[in-house]
Amino acid sequence: MSKKIPKFKSEDEEREFWAAHDSTEYVDWKKTKRVFLASLKPSLKTISLRLPESMIEELKLLAHKRDVPYQSLLKIFLSEKIREEFRAT
């Protein structure tokens, strides 16, 4: 039987608790389900990505047809592929 998770007064208190305790004593991870929190605004991180100029130009053409910025279209394509890969596993 799993231990009961205590109530925390703050995020800092919860963070300290989980840093010192093993979650497997409190959660049966075999019964969990993967969830996607689509309505949360994701944190963004700027990265540098080297792509062939021809690929960027093709991406810009496709983005223009959809009337979206090419960087946004690139994020859409990446997101679709990531979801596809997760479904395959």
Protein backbone atom coordinates (compact mmCIF):
# COMPACT_ATOMS: atom_id res chain seq x y z
CA MET A 1 0.00 0.00 0.00
CA SER A 2 1.27 3.47 -0.88
CA LYS A 3 2.04 6.08 1.73
CA LYS A 4 -0.24 9.13 1.84
CA ILE A 5 1.21 12.27 0.22
CA PRO A 6 1.27 15.10 2.78
CA LYS A 7 -0.32 18.49 2.20
CA PHE A 8 2.22 21.19 1.43
CA LYS A 9 2.12 24.84 2.46
CA SER A 10 4.16 25.99 -0.54
CA GLU A 11 5.82 24.79 -3.73
CA ASP A 12 9.20 25.16 -2.03
CA GLU A 13 8.10 22.83 0.77
CA GLU A 14 6.84 20.29 -1.78
CA ARG A 15 10.06 20.56 -3.80
CA GLU A 16 12.12 19.88 -0.66
CA PHE A 17 9.93 16.90 0.23
CA TRP A 18 10.27 15.24 -3.19
CA ALA A 19 14.01 15.89 -3.25
CA ALA A 20 14.32 13.85 -0.05
CA HIS A 21 11.71 11.11 -0.69
CA ASP A 22 11.25 8.35 -3.26
CA SER A 23 8.00 8.84 -5.18
CA THR A 24 7.57 5.08 -5.65
CA GLU A 25 6.67 4.89 -1.95
CA TYR A 26 3.75 7.26 -2.59
CA VAL A 27 2.64 6.61 -6.17
CA ASP A 28 2.00 3.35 -8.01
CA TRP A 29 3.55 4.37 -11.32
CA LYS A 30 2.23 1.22 -13.04
CA LYS A 31 -1.31 2.60 -12.74
CA THR A 32 -0.55 6.03 -14.16
CA LYS A 33 -1.61 7.33 -17.56
CA ARG A 34 0.16 9.80 -19.82
CA VAL A 35 -1.70 13.10 -20.10
CA PHE A 36 -1.11 16.14 -22.24
CA LEU A 37 -1.96 19.51 -20.74
CA ALA A 38 -2.68 21.28 -24.00
CA SER A 39 -4.14 24.42 -22.44
CA LEU A 40 -0.95 25.23 -20.52
CA LYS A 41 1.24 27.85 -22.09
CA PRO A 42 4.60 26.16 -22.65
CA SER A 43 7.87 27.69 -21.56
CA LEU A 44 9.92 28.73 -24.54
CA LYS A 45 13.62 28.31 -25.02
CA THR A 46 15.56 29.83 -27.88
CA ILE A 47 17.77 27.39 -29.74
CA SER A 48 20.10 27.62 -32.67
CA LEU A 49 19.27 25.22 -35.48
CA ARG A 50 21.36 24.88 -38.62
CA LEU A 51 19.30 24.00 -41.69
CA PRO A 52 20.17 23.99 -45.36
CA GLU A 53 19.15 27.26 -47.01
CA SER A 54 17.06 25.33 -49.55
CA MET A 55 15.05 23.75 -46.73
CA ILE A 56 14.41 27.16 -45.16
CA GLU A 57 13.26 28.55 -48.50
CA GLU A 58 10.89 25.60 -49.01
CA LEU A 59 9.57 26.05 -45.50
CA LYS A 60 8.98 29.75 -46.19
CA LEU A 61 7.03 28.88 -49.35
CA LEU A 62 4.83 26.41 -47.48
CA ALA A 63 4.33 28.90 -44.66
CA HIS A 64 3.34 31.61 -47.13
CA LYS A 65 0.66 29.31 -48.60
CA ARG A 66 -0.75 28.81 -45.09
CA ASP A 67 -0.32 32.48 -44.18
CA VAL A 68 1.77 31.73 -41.09
CA PRO A 69 5.34 32.65 -40.15
CA TYR A 70 7.79 29.96 -41.24
CA GLN A 71 9.10 29.47 -37.69
CA SER A 72 5.54 28.78 -36.50
CA LEU A 73 5.06 26.27 -39.31
CA LEU A 74 8.31 24.56 -38.31
CA LYS A 75 6.98 24.24 -34.73
CA ILE A 76 3.72 22.78 -36.10
CA PHE A 77 5.61 20.21 -38.17
CA LEU A 78 7.83 19.25 -35.23
CA SER A 79 4.85 18.94 -32.91
CA GLU A 80 2.98 16.69 -35.37
CA LYS A 81 6.00 14.44 -35.83
CA ILE A 82 6.64 14.18 -32.08
CA ARG A 83 3.00 13.17 -31.45
CA GLU A 84 3.23 10.64 -34.28
CA GLU A 85 6.39 9.12 -32.79
CA PHE A 86 4.81 8.84 -29.33
CA ARG A 87 1.74 7.10 -30.79
CA ALA A 88 4.02 4.57 -32.50
CA THR A 89 5.58 3.49 -29.19
